Amino acid sequence: MKIPATTRRPGAENQIVVVRDGKAVVLRIAASTDPNGSLIVRDGLLTATDQVILSPGTDLHDGDPVVTKPLAN
């Protein structure tokens, strides 16, 4: 699965943050970088239905409530 490089949690080489049931969930992943800079997730608990936070801040922690909104087209 390919995701934007900005989804990587700041200061963490192998973590991203997703939203599940309205809460932030920090996931550990194994990923490589493709030539365009995107992350290619090779291993981890990321699913195709997860909502990945595009630019998680350092102040966002596991279990924090998250309100989502659709991306503008």
Protein backbone atom coordinates (compact mmCIF):
# COMPACT_ATOMS: atom_id res chain seq x y z
CA MET A 1 0.00 0.00 0.00
CA LYS A 2 1.32 3.46 -0.89
CA ILE A 3 0.74 6.52 1.33
CA PRO A 4 2.13 10.08 1.29
CA ALA A 5 5.42 10.62 3.11
CA THR A 6 3.77 13.41 5.14
CA THR A 7 1.80 10.75 7.02
CA ARG A 8 4.94 9.71 8.92
CA ARG A 9 4.74 10.86 12.52
CA PRO A 10 7.32 13.63 13.20
CA GLY A 11 10.39 12.27 14.93
CA ALA A 12 9.32 8.66 14.34
CA GLU A 13 10.82 6.72 11.46
CA ASN A 14 8.25 3.92 11.56
CA GLN A 15 4.99 5.37 12.85
CA ILE A 16 1.86 6.79 11.27
CA VAL A 17 -1.44 7.86 12.82
CA VAL A 18 -4.85 6.65 11.65
CA VAL A 19 -8.39 7.35 12.82
CA ARG A 20 -10.47 4.48 14.13
CA ASP A 21 -13.81 5.03 15.85
CA GLY A 22 -13.14 8.77 16.10
CA LYS A 23 -9.82 8.34 17.93
CA ALA A 24 -6.17 8.58 16.93
CA VAL A 25 -4.35 5.25 16.72
CA VAL A 26 -0.56 5.22 16.37
CA LEU A 27 0.59 2.36 14.15
CA ARG A 28 4.08 0.97 13.69
CA ILE A 29 4.87 0.20 10.07
CA ALA A 30 7.73 -1.09 7.98
CA ALA A 31 7.99 1.05 4.85
CA SER A 32 10.32 1.97 2.06
CA THR A 33 10.31 5.14 -0.02
CA ASP A 34 9.47 5.07 -3.72
CA PRO A 35 11.24 7.37 -6.23
CA ASN A 36 8.44 9.95 -5.92
CA GLY A 37 8.87 10.15 -2.13
CA SER A 38 5.74 8.21 -1.15
CA LEU A 39 5.92 5.53 1.51
CA ILE A 40 5.34 1.93 0.45
CA VAL A 41 4.02 0.10 3.49
CA ARG A 42 5.47 -3.42 3.57
CA ASP A 43 4.29 -4.49 7.02
CA GLY A 44 2.09 -3.24 9.82
CA LEU A 45 -1.54 -3.15 10.90
CA LEU A 46 -2.63 -0.55 8.32
CA THR A 47 -5.78 -1.61 6.45
CA ALA A 48 -7.29 -0.35 3.20
CA THR A 49 -10.22 1.16 5.15
CA ASP A 50 -8.11 3.14 7.64
CA GLN A 51 -8.24 6.93 7.48
CA VAL A 52 -4.60 8.02 7.58
CA ILE A 53 -3.83 11.45 9.05
CA LEU A 54 -1.88 13.31 6.38
CA SER A 55 0.22 15.54 8.65
CA PRO A 56 0.05 14.35 12.25
CA GLY A 57 1.45 16.77 14.79
CA THR A 58 3.74 15.84 17.65
CA ASP A 59 0.95 16.71 20.09
CA LEU A 60 -1.39 14.00 18.71
CA HIS A 61 -1.36 10.87 20.85
CA ASP A 62 -2.91 7.42 20.88
CA GLY A 63 -6.55 7.69 21.95
CA ASP A 64 -6.94 11.42 21.32
CA PRO A 65 -10.36 12.29 19.83
CA VAL A 66 -10.20 13.21 16.13
CA VAL A 67 -12.79 14.92 13.94
CA THR A 68 -12.43 14.07 10.25
CA LYS A 69 -13.50 16.01 7.19
CA PRO A 70 -13.39 15.04 3.52
CA LEU A 71 -10.57 16.30 1.33
CA ALA A 72 -11.47 19.15 -1.01
CA ASN A 73 -11.52 18.17 -4.68
